[in-house]
């Protein structure tokens, strides 16, 4: 998708339709859409989840090395006794 009078490409996963005022976010095969007026509430909720996961002792931040290196949050591995 490219910029047009109605659609702006924000990045490779995010778009905004200036006519309908809808933000679209794509993850794999799923597209989530929300009206601009609702976006900050959605963002704050997602940010709260991220903050929880980062602060939690049950999760760690790792690096996904498949393809371009990206940061991921994963369940903390259980310690193994030897």
PDB file of N, CA and C in Angstrom:
ATOM      1  N   UNK A   1       0.854  -1.176   0.000  1.00  0.00           N
ATOM      2  CA  UNK A   1       0.000   0.000   0.000  1.00  0.00           C
ATOM      3  C   UNK A   1       0.896   1.233   0.000  1.00  0.00           C
ATOM      4  N   UNK A   2       0.534   2.245  -0.737  1.00  0.00           N
ATOM      5  CA  UNK A   2       1.315   3.466  -0.816  1.00  0.00           C
ATOM      6  C   UNK A   2       0.467   4.642  -0.381  1.00  0.00           C
ATOM      7  N   UNK A   3       1.157   5.760  -0.108  1.00  0.00           N
ATOM      8  CA  UNK A   3       0.415   6.961   0.269  1.00  0.00           C
ATOM      9  C   UNK A   3      -0.494   7.396  -0.873  1.00  0.00           C
ATOM     10  N   UNK A   4      -1.677   7.816  -0.534  1.00  0.00           N
ATOM     11  CA  UNK A   4      -2.599   8.403  -1.503  1.00  0.00           C
ATOM     12  C   UNK A   4      -3.296   9.546  -0.792  1.00  0.00           C
ATOM     13  N   UNK A   5      -4.265  10.140  -1.452  1.00  0.00           N
ATOM     14  CA  UNK A   5      -4.990  11.229  -0.807  1.00  0.00           C
ATOM     15  C   UNK A   5      -5.778  10.745   0.396  1.00  0.00           C
ATOM     16  N   UNK A   6      -6.164   9.451   0.406  1.00  0.00           N
ATOM     17  CA  UNK A   6      -6.991   8.930   1.484  1.00  0.00           C
ATOM     18  C   UNK A   6      -6.232   8.079   2.490  1.00  0.00           C
ATOM     19  N   UNK A   7      -5.168   7.396   2.058  1.00  0.00           N
ATOM     20  CA  UNK A   7      -4.472   6.449   2.930  1.00  0.00           C
ATOM     21  C   UNK A   7      -3.012   6.862   3.088  1.00  0.00           C
ATOM     22  N   UNK A   8      -2.547   6.922   4.334  1.00  0.00           N
ATOM     23  CA  UNK A   8      -1.153   7.237   4.633  1.00  0.00           C
ATOM     24  C   UNK A   8      -0.505   5.993   5.224  1.00  0.00           C
ATOM     25  N   UNK A   9       0.630   5.596   4.665  1.00  0.00           N
ATOM     26  CA  UNK A   9       1.404   4.484   5.189  1.00  0.00           C
ATOM     27  C   UNK A   9       2.305   5.044   6.285  1.00  0.00           C
ATOM     28  N   UNK A  10       2.078   4.588   7.522  1.00  0.00           N
ATOM     29  CA  UNK A  10       2.883   5.055   8.652  1.00  0.00           C
ATOM     30  C   UNK A  10       4.171   4.245   8.735  1.00  0.00           C
ATOM     31  N   UNK A  11       4.050   2.934   8.628  1.00  0.00           N
ATOM     32  CA  UNK A  11       5.199   2.032   8.524  1.00  0.00           C
ATOM     33  C   UNK A  11       4.719   0.779   7.805  1.00  0.00           C
ATOM     34  N   UNK A  12       5.542  -0.278   7.785  1.00  0.00           N
ATOM     35  CA  UNK A  12       5.155  -1.455   7.012  1.00  0.00           C
ATOM     36  C   UNK A  12       3.975  -2.224   7.592  1.00  0.00           C
ATOM     37  N   UNK A  13       3.492  -1.839   8.779  1.00  0.00           N
ATOM     38  CA  UNK A  13       2.349  -2.516   9.399  1.00  0.00           C
ATOM     39  C   UNK A  13       1.192  -1.592   9.743  1.00  0.00           C
ATOM     40  N   UNK A  14       1.397  -0.293   9.650  1.00  0.00           N
ATOM     41  CA  UNK A  14       0.388   0.655  10.135  1.00  0.00           C
ATOM     42  C   UNK A  14      -0.006   1.664   9.061  1.00  0.00           C
ATOM     43  N   UNK A  15      -1.315   1.896   8.980  1.00  0.00           N
ATOM     44  CA  UNK A  15      -1.878   2.794   7.983  1.00  0.00           C
ATOM     45  C   UNK A  15      -2.970   3.634   8.640  1.00  0.00           C
ATOM     46  N   UNK A  16      -3.222   4.797   8.059  1.00  0.00           N
ATOM     47  CA  UNK A  16      -4.365   5.595   8.495  1.00  0.00           C
ATOM     48  C   UNK A  16      -5.142   6.032   7.263  1.00  0.00           C
ATOM     49  N   UNK A  17      -6.442   5.830   7.315  1.00  0.00           N
ATOM     50  CA  UNK A  17      -7.341   6.262   6.258  1.00  0.00           C
ATOM     51  C   UNK A  17      -7.864   7.636   6.660  1.00  0.00           C
ATOM     52  N   UNK A  18      -7.440   8.661   5.932  1.00  0.00           N
ATOM     53  CA  UNK A  18      -7.789  10.034   6.292  1.00  0.00           C
ATOM     54  C   UNK A  18      -9.250  10.364   6.013  1.00  0.00           C
ATOM     55  N   UNK A  19      -9.891   9.592   5.152  1.00  0.00           N
ATOM     56  CA  UNK A  19     -11.301   9.831   4.846  1.00  0.00           C
ATOM     57  C   UNK A  19     -12.204   9.271   5.947  1.00  0.00           C
ATOM     58  N   UNK A  20     -11.933   8.037   6.375  1.00  0.00           N
ATOM     59  CA  UNK A  20     -12.771   7.409   7.401  1.00  0.00           C
ATOM     60  C   UNK A  20     -12.206   7.596   8.810  1.00  0.00           C
ATOM     61  N   UNK A  21     -10.984   8.110   8.912  1.00  0.00           N
ATOM     62  CA  UNK A  21     -10.317   8.337  10.200  1.00  0.00           C
ATOM     63  C   UNK A  21     -10.147   7.038  10.973  1.00  0.00           C
ATOM     64  N   UNK A  22      -9.673   6.014  10.259  1.00  0.00           N
ATOM     65  CA  UNK A  22      -9.443   4.701  10.835  1.00  0.00           C
ATOM     66  C   UNK A  22      -7.954   4.388  10.771  1.00  0.00           C
ATOM     67  N   UNK A  23      -7.417   3.889  11.879  1.00  0.00           N
ATOM     68  CA  UNK A  23      -6.038   3.416  11.934  1.00  0.00           C
ATOM     69  C   UNK A  23      -6.092   1.901  11.785  1.00  0.00           C
ATOM     70  N   UNK A  24      -5.243   1.350  10.923  1.00  0.00           N
ATOM     71  CA  UNK A  24      -5.170  -0.098  10.722  1.00  0.00           C
ATOM     72  C   UNK A  24      -3.763  -0.567  11.079  1.00  0.00           C
ATOM     73  N   UNK A  25      -3.692  -1.640  11.867  1.00  0.00           N
ATOM     74  CA  UNK A  25      -2.423  -2.232  12.275  1.00  0.00           C
ATOM     75  C   UNK A  25      -2.471  -3.702  11.878  1.00  0.00           C
ATOM     76  N   UNK A  26      -1.476  -4.149  11.113  1.00  0.00           N
ATOM     77  CA  UNK A  26      -1.453  -5.521  10.616  1.00  0.00           C
ATOM     78  C   UNK A  26      -0.409  -6.346  11.364  1.00  0.00           C
ATOM     79  N   UNK A  27      -0.814  -7.540  11.794  1.00  0.00           N
ATOM     80  CA  UNK A  27       0.072  -8.530  12.404  1.00  0.00           C
ATOM     81  C   UNK A  27      -0.156  -9.836  11.658  1.00  0.00           C
ATOM     82  N   UNK A  28       0.864 -10.287  10.963  1.00  0.00           N
ATOM     83  CA  UNK A  28       0.745 -11.508  10.178  1.00  0.00           C
ATOM     84  C   UNK A  28      -0.497 -11.439   9.290  1.00  0.00           C
ATOM     85  N   UNK A  29      -1.494 -12.293   9.551  1.00  0.00           N
ATOM     86  CA  UNK A  29      -2.691 -12.328   8.716  1.00  0.00           C
ATOM     87  C   UNK A  29      -3.869 -11.587   9.340  1.00  0.00           C
ATOM     88  N   UNK A  30      -3.646 -10.866  10.422  1.00  0.00           N
ATOM     89  CA  UNK A  30      -4.727 -10.187  11.131  1.00  0.00           C
ATOM     90  C   UNK A  30      -4.550  -8.673  11.019  1.00  0.00           C
ATOM     91  N   UNK A  31      -5.641  -7.989  10.752  1.00  0.00           N
ATOM     92  CA  UNK A  31      -5.618  -6.525  10.738  1.00  0.00           C
ATOM     93  C   UNK A  31      -6.564  -6.024  11.814  1.00  0.00           C
ATOM     94  N   UNK A  32      -6.030  -5.174  12.686  1.00  0.00           N
ATOM     95  CA  UNK A  32      -6.817  -4.551  13.740  1.00  0.00           C
ATOM     96  C   UNK A  32      -7.099  -3.122  13.303  1.00  0.00           C
ATOM     97  N   UNK A  33      -8.365  -2.698  13.363  1.00  0.00           N
ATOM     98  CA  UNK A  33      -8.707  -1.326  12.998  1.00  0.00           C
ATOM     99  C   UNK A  33      -9.399  -0.641  14.168  1.00  0.00           C
ATOM    100  N   UNK A  34      -9.128   0.647  14.298  1.00  0.00           N
ATOM    101  CA  UNK A  34      -9.718   1.444  15.365  1.00  0.00           C
ATOM    102  C   UNK A  34      -9.862   2.874  14.852  1.00  0.00           C
ATOM    103  N   UNK A  35     -10.929   3.539  15.269  1.00  0.00           N
ATOM    104  CA  UNK A  35     -11.098   4.939  14.911  1.00  0.00           C
ATOM    105  C   UNK A  35     -10.052   5.783  15.629  1.00  0.00           C
ATOM    106  N   UNK A  36      -9.641   6.858  14.993  1.00  0.00           N
ATOM    107  CA  UNK A  36      -8.632   7.743  15.565  1.00  0.00           C
ATOM    108  C   UNK A  36      -9.030   8.179  16.978  1.00  0.00           C
ATOM    109  N   UNK A  37     -10.307   8.445  17.180  1.00  0.00           N
ATOM    110  CA  UNK A  37     -10.780   8.910  18.490  1.00  0.00           C
ATOM    111  C   UNK A  37     -10.548   7.869  19.589  1.00  0.00           C
ATOM    112  N   UNK A  38     -10.473   6.600  19.214  1.00  0.00           N
ATOM    113  CA  UNK A  38     -10.294   5.514  20.185  1.00  0.00           C
ATOM    114  C   UNK A  38      -8.839   5.070  20.316  1.00  0.00           C
ATOM    115  N   UNK A  39      -7.971   5.606  19.453  1.00  0.00           N
ATOM    116  CA  UNK A  39      -6.606   5.098  19.385  1.00  0.00           C
ATOM    117  C   UNK A  39      -5.838   5.270  20.685  1.00  0.00           C
ATOM    118  N   UNK A  40      -5.907   6.412  21.342  1.00  0.00           N
ATOM    119  CA  UNK A  40      -5.132   6.612  22.565  1.00  0.00           C
ATOM    120  C   UNK A  40      -5.559   5.664  23.675  1.00  0.00           C
ATOM    121  N   UNK A  41      -6.844   5.388  23.795  1.00  0.00           N
ATOM    122  CA  UNK A  41      -7.299   4.413  24.793  1.00  0.00           C
ATOM    123  C   UNK A  41      -6.715   3.041  24.493  1.00  0.00           C
ATOM    124  N   UNK A  42      -6.747   2.646  23.223  1.00  0.00           N
ATOM    125  CA  UNK A  42      -6.164   1.370  22.812  1.00  0.00           C
ATOM    126  C   UNK A  42      -4.664   1.354  23.107  1.00  0.00           C
ATOM    127  N   UNK A  43      -3.966   2.409  22.713  1.00  0.00           N
ATOM    128  CA  UNK A  43      -2.530   2.491  22.931  1.00  0.00           C
ATOM    129  C   UNK A  43      -2.197   2.412  24.420  1.00  0.00           C
ATOM    130  N   UNK A  44      -2.919   3.135  25.251  1.00  0.00           N
ATOM    131  CA  UNK A  44      -2.652   3.112  26.693  1.00  0.00           C
ATOM    132  C   UNK A  44      -2.854   1.709  27.261  1.00  0.00           C
ATOM    133  N   UNK A  45      -3.876   1.001  26.804  1.00  0.00           N
ATOM    134  CA  UNK A  45      -4.105  -0.371  27.274  1.00  0.00           C
ATOM    135  C   UNK A  45      -2.959  -1.286  26.861  1.00  0.00           C
ATOM    136  N   UNK A  46      -2.529  -1.191  25.616  1.00  0.00           N
ATOM    137  CA  UNK A  46      -1.415  -2.006  25.141  1.00  0.00           C
ATOM    138  C   UNK A  46      -0.132  -1.642  25.881  1.00  0.00           C
ATOM    139  N   UNK A  47       0.080  -0.363  26.120  1.00  0.00           N
ATOM    140  CA  UNK A  47       1.270   0.075  26.851  1.00  0.00           C
ATOM    141  C   UNK A  47       1.261  -0.449  28.288  1.00  0.00           C
ATOM    142  N   UNK A  48       0.083  -0.497  28.925  1.00  0.00           N
ATOM    143  CA  UNK A  48      -0.032  -1.062  30.273  1.00  0.00           C
ATOM    144  C   UNK A  48       0.360  -2.539  30.280  1.00  0.00           C
ATOM    145  N   UNK A  49      -0.068  -3.277  29.260  1.00  0.00           N
ATOM    146  CA  UNK A  49       0.297  -4.693  29.162  1.00  0.00           C
ATOM    147  C   UNK A  49       1.809  -4.825  28.988  1.00  0.00           C
ATOM    148  N   UNK A  50       2.392  -4.020  28.103  1.00  0.00           N
ATOM    149  CA  UNK A  50       3.843  -4.054  27.896  1.00  0.00           C
ATOM    150  C   UNK A  50       4.586  -3.760  29.197  1.00  0.00           C
ATOM    151  N   UNK A  51       4.165  -2.728  29.920  1.00  0.00           N
ATOM    152  CA  UNK A  51       4.814  -2.380  31.190  1.00  0.00           C
ATOM    153  C   UNK A  51       4.732  -3.537  32.176  1.00  0.00           C
ATOM    154  N   UNK A  52       3.563  -4.182  32.253  1.00  0.00           N
ATOM    155  CA  UNK A  52       3.404  -5.318  33.150  1.00  0.00           C
ATOM    156  C   UNK A  52       4.372  -6.438  32.780  1.00  0.00           C
ATOM    157  N   UNK A  53       4.418  -6.786  31.495  1.00  0.00           N
ATOM    158  CA  UNK A  53       5.280  -7.886  31.053  1.00  0.00           C
ATOM    159  C   UNK A  53       6.759  -7.573  31.305  1.00  0.00           C
ATOM    160  N   UNK A  54       7.169  -6.342  31.065  1.00  0.00           N
ATOM    161  CA  UNK A  54       8.572  -5.954  31.265  1.00  0.00           C
ATOM    162  C   UNK A  54       8.943  -6.017  32.750  1.00  0.00           C
ATOM    163  N   UNK A  55       8.035  -5.623  33.630  1.00  0.00           N
ATOM    164  CA  UNK A  55       8.317  -5.595  35.068  1.00  0.00           C
ATOM    165  C   UNK A  55       8.128  -6.954  35.741  1.00  0.00           C
ATOM    166  N   UNK A  56       7.406  -7.844  35.118  1.00  0.00           N
ATOM    167  CA  UNK A  56       7.077  -9.139  35.708  1.00  0.00           C
ATOM    168  C   UNK A  56       8.307 -10.040  35.802  1.00  0.00           C
ATOM    169  N   UNK A  57       8.378 -10.789  36.891  1.00  0.00           N
ATOM    170  CA  UNK A  57       9.447 -11.781  37.044  1.00  0.00           C
ATOM    171  C   UNK A  57       9.174 -13.038  36.212  1.00  0.00           C
ATOM    172  N   UNK A  58       7.993 -13.128  35.629  1.00  0.00           N
ATOM    173  CA  UNK A  58       7.617 -14.318  34.863  1.00  0.00           C
ATOM    174  C   UNK A  58       7.988 -14.229  33.385  1.00  0.00           C
ATOM    175  N   UNK A  59       8.456 -13.055  32.939  1.00  0.00           N
ATOM    176  CA  UNK A  59       8.774 -12.848  31.525  1.00  0.00           C
ATOM    177  C   UNK A  59      10.137 -12.185  31.385  1.00  0.00           C
ATOM    178  N   UNK A  60      10.772 -12.428  30.249  1.00  0.00           N
ATOM    179  CA  UNK A  60      12.065 -11.799  29.956  1.00  0.00           C
ATOM    180  C   UNK A  60      12.028 -11.253  28.531  1.00  0.00           C
ATOM    181  N   UNK A  61      12.903 -10.292  28.269  1.00  0.00           N
ATOM    182  CA  UNK A  61      13.038  -9.749  26.922  1.00  0.00           C
ATOM    183  C   UNK A  61      14.185 -10.485  26.247  1.00  0.00           C
ATOM    184  N   UNK A  62      13.907 -11.015  25.081  1.00  0.00           N
ATOM    185  CA  UNK A  62      14.918 -11.725  24.314  1.00  0.00           C
ATOM    186  C   UNK A  62      15.039 -11.123  22.929  1.00  0.00           C
ATOM    187  N   UNK A  63      15.859 -11.744  22.116  1.00  0.00           N
ATOM    188  CA  UNK A  63      16.047 -11.301  20.740  1.00  0.00           C
ATOM    189  C   UNK A  63      15.691 -12.443  19.803  1.00  0.00           C
ATOM    190  N   UNK A  64      14.775 -12.171  18.896  1.00  0.00           N
ATOM    191  CA  UNK A  64      14.407 -13.137  17.875  1.00  0.00           C
ATOM    192  C   UNK A  64      15.434 -13.021  16.752  1.00  0.00           C
ATOM    193  N   UNK A  65      16.166 -14.088  16.500  1.00  0.00           N
ATOM    194  CA  UNK A  65      17.237 -14.052  15.512  1.00  0.00           C
ATOM    195  C   UNK A  65      16.803 -14.585  14.154  1.00  0.00           C
ATOM    196  N   UNK A  66      15.542 -14.975  14.016  1.00  0.00           N
ATOM    197  CA  UNK A  66      15.037 -15.442  12.725  1.00  0.00           C
ATOM    198  C   UNK A  66      14.666 -14.215  11.902  1.00  0.00           C
ATOM    199  N   UNK A  67      15.335 -14.019  10.791  1.00  0.00           N
ATOM    200  CA  UNK A  67      15.124 -12.812  10.002  1.00  0.00           C
ATOM    201  C   UNK A  67      15.839 -11.657  10.679  1.00  0.00           C
ATOM    202  N   UNK A  68      15.352 -10.445  10.475  1.00  0.00           N
ATOM    203  CA  UNK A  68      15.978  -9.301  11.146  1.00  0.00           C
ATOM    204  C   UNK A  68      15.832  -9.444  12.666  1.00  0.00           C
ATOM    205  N   UNK A  69      16.904  -9.141  13.408  1.00  0.00           N
ATOM    206  CA  UNK A  69      16.864  -9.255  14.862  1.00  0.00           C
ATOM    207  C   UNK A  69      15.822  -8.294  15.432  1.00  0.00           C
ATOM    208  N   UNK A  70      14.894  -8.848  16.228  1.00  0.00           N
ATOM    209  CA  UNK A  70      13.868  -8.037  16.868  1.00  0.00           C
ATOM    210  C   UNK A  70      13.755  -8.441  18.333  1.00  0.00           C
ATOM    211  N   UNK A  71      13.362  -7.511  19.172  1.00  0.00           N
ATOM    212  CA  UNK A  71      13.144  -7.788  20.589  1.00  0.00           C
ATOM    213  C   UNK A  71      11.794  -8.480  20.758  1.00  0.00           C
ATOM    214  N   UNK A  72      11.739  -9.469  21.651  1.00  0.00           N
ATOM    215  CA  UNK A  72      10.500 -10.179  21.949  1.00  0.00           C
ATOM    216  C   UNK A  72      10.404 -10.383  23.452  1.00  0.00           C
ATOM    217  N   UNK A  73       9.185 -10.458  23.955  1.00  0.00           N
ATOM    218  CA  UNK A  73       8.948 -10.800  25.358  1.00  0.00           C
ATOM    219  C   UNK A  73       8.500 -12.249  25.373  1.00  0.00           C
ATOM    220  N   UNK A  74       9.169 -13.060  26.192  1.00  0.00           N
ATOM    221  CA  UNK A  74       8.863 -14.488  26.251  1.00  0.00           C
ATOM    222  C   UNK A  74       8.725 -14.918  27.703  1.00  0.00           C
ATOM    223  N   UNK A  75       7.993 -16.009  27.952  1.00  0.00           N
ATOM    224  CA  UNK A  75       7.925 -16.537  29.316  1.00  0.00           C
ATOM    225  C   UNK A  75       9.325 -16.897  29.803  1.00  0.00           C
ATOM    226  N   UNK A  76       9.595 -16.579  31.049  1.00  0.00           N
ATOM    227  CA  UNK A  76      10.899 -16.892  31.635  1.00  0.00           C
ATOM    228  C   UNK A  76      11.049 -18.410  31.718  1.00  0.00           C
ATOM    229  N   UNK A  77      12.152 -18.937  31.190  1.00  0.00           N
ATOM    230  CA  UNK A  77      12.350 -20.380  31.248  1.00  0.00           C
ATOM    231  C   UNK A  77      12.457 -20.854  32.704  1.00  0.00           C
ATOM    232  N   UNK A  78      11.917 -22.033  32.957  1.00  0.00           N
ATOM    233  CA  UNK A  78      12.036 -22.601  34.296  1.00  0.00           C
ATOM    234  C   UNK A  78      13.488 -23.056  34.494  1.00  0.00           C
ATOM    235  N   UNK A  79      13.994 -22.770  35.676  1.00  0.00           N
ATOM    236  CA  UNK A  79      15.365 -23.202  35.985  1.00  0.00           C
ATOM    237  C   UNK A  79      15.408 -24.703  36.126  1.00  0.00           C
ATOM    238  N   UNK A  80      16.417 -25.304  35.528  1.00  0.00           N
ATOM    239  CA  UNK A  80      16.565 -26.746  35.600  1.00  0.00           C
ATOM    240  C   UNK A  80      17.648 -27.085  36.612  1.00  0.00           C
ATOM    241  N   UNK A  81      17.368 -28.041  37.469  1.00  0.00           N
ATOM    242  CA  UNK A  81      18.352 -28.497  38.446  1.00  0.00           C
ATOM    243  C   UNK A  81      19.197 -29.577  37.786  1.00  0.00           C
ATOM    244  N   UNK A  82      20.514 -29.511  38.013  1.00  0.00           N
ATOM    245  CA  UNK A  82      21.358 -30.558  37.448  1.00  0.00           C
ATOM    246  C   UNK A  82      21.995 -31.389  38.524  1.00  0.00           C
TER     247      UNK A  82
END
